[in-house]
Amino acid sequence: MAKKLTQEELLEKIHQKLSDINTNMLKVFWIVAIFAFLYFGLMLHLLNK
């Protein structure tokens, strides 16, 4: 029974770590998306001059 509890605790820790990684990757994605939007907006602006 104790082994099952430790496995569940380990799985919970792994799940928490994966959730943290997912949150961080989403933040990175949005930051990159914002800069890509600004970059392509600047390129379009410069091409139309």
C-alpha atoms as a PDB file:
ATOM      1  CA  MET A   1       0.000   0.000   0.000  1.00  0.00           C
ATOM      2  CA  ALA A   2       2.852   2.365   0.818  1.00  0.00           C
ATOM      3  CA  LYS A   3       4.416   1.714  -2.579  1.00  0.00           C
ATOM      4  CA  LYS A   4       1.164   2.711  -4.287  1.00  0.00           C
ATOM      5  CA  LEU A   5       1.073   5.984  -2.337  1.00  0.00           C
ATOM      6  CA  THR A   6       4.649   6.823  -3.291  1.00  0.00           C
ATOM      7  CA  GLN A   7       3.863   6.091  -6.935  1.00  0.00           C
ATOM      8  CA  GLU A   8       0.847   8.374  -6.761  1.00  0.00           C
ATOM      9  CA  GLU A   9       2.931  11.092  -5.105  1.00  0.00           C
ATOM     10  CA  LEU A  10       5.590  10.696  -7.782  1.00  0.00           C
ATOM     11  CA  LEU A  11       2.984  10.905 -10.530  1.00  0.00           C
ATOM     12  CA  GLU A  12       1.535  14.014  -8.911  1.00  0.00           C
ATOM     13  CA  LYS A  13       4.989  15.635  -8.802  1.00  0.00           C
ATOM     14  CA  ILE A  14       5.588  14.721 -12.446  1.00  0.00           C
ATOM     15  CA  HIS A  15       2.181  16.128 -13.405  1.00  0.00           C
ATOM     16  CA  GLN A  16       2.933  19.369 -11.552  1.00  0.00           C
ATOM     17  CA  LYS A  17       6.323  19.695 -13.260  1.00  0.00           C
ATOM     18  CA  LEU A  18       4.770  19.087 -16.689  1.00  0.00           C
ATOM     19  CA  SER A  19       2.092  21.672 -15.946  1.00  0.00           C
ATOM     20  CA  ASP A  20       4.810  24.197 -15.042  1.00  0.00           C
ATOM     21  CA  ILE A  21       6.682  23.411 -18.263  1.00  0.00           C
ATOM     22  CA  ASN A  22       3.460  23.786 -20.260  1.00  0.00           C
ATOM     23  CA  THR A  23       2.765  27.179 -18.665  1.00  0.00           C
ATOM     24  CA  ASN A  24       6.302  28.376 -19.380  1.00  0.00           C
ATOM     25  CA  MET A  25       6.170  27.160 -22.990  1.00  0.00           C
ATOM     26  CA  LEU A  26       2.884  29.010 -23.540  1.00  0.00           C
ATOM     27  CA  LYS A  27       4.457  32.203 -22.175  1.00  0.00           C
ATOM     28  CA  VAL A  28       7.436  31.761 -24.521  1.00  0.00           C
ATOM     29  CA  PHE A  29       5.091  31.107 -27.448  1.00  0.00           C
ATOM     30  CA  TRP A  30       3.123  34.324 -26.837  1.00  0.00           C
ATOM     31  CA  ILE A  31       6.296  36.395 -26.448  1.00  0.00           C
ATOM     32  CA  VAL A  32       7.678  35.013 -29.724  1.00  0.00           C
ATOM     33  CA  ALA A  33       4.310  35.557 -31.428  1.00  0.00           C
ATOM     34  CA  ILE A  34       4.218  39.202 -30.327  1.00  0.00           C
ATOM     35  CA  PHE A  35       7.730  39.868 -31.610  1.00  0.00           C
ATOM     36  CA  ALA A  36       6.971  38.059 -34.891  1.00  0.00           C
ATOM     37  CA  PHE A  37       3.868  40.204 -35.326  1.00  0.00           C
ATOM     38  CA  LEU A  38       5.885  43.364 -34.673  1.00  0.00           C
ATOM     39  CA  TYR A  39       8.645  42.221 -37.049  1.00  0.00           C
ATOM     40  CA  PHE A  40       6.294  41.446 -39.932  1.00  0.00           C
ATOM     41  CA  GLY A  41       4.382  44.655 -39.289  1.00  0.00           C
ATOM     42  CA  LEU A  42       7.641  46.584 -39.517  1.00  0.00           C
ATOM     43  CA  MET A  43       8.615  44.754 -42.724  1.00  0.00           C
ATOM     44  CA  LEU A  44       5.267  45.559 -44.309  1.00  0.00           C
ATOM     45  CA  HIS A  45       5.590  49.167 -43.214  1.00  0.00           C
ATOM     46  CA  LEU A  46       9.078  49.459 -44.701  1.00  0.00           C
ATOM     47  CA  LEU A  47       8.066  47.752 -47.947  1.00  0.00           C
ATOM     48  CA  ASN A  48       5.241  50.254 -48.515  1.00  0.00           C
ATOM     49  CA  LYS A  49       7.417  53.331 -48.157  1.00  0.00           C
END
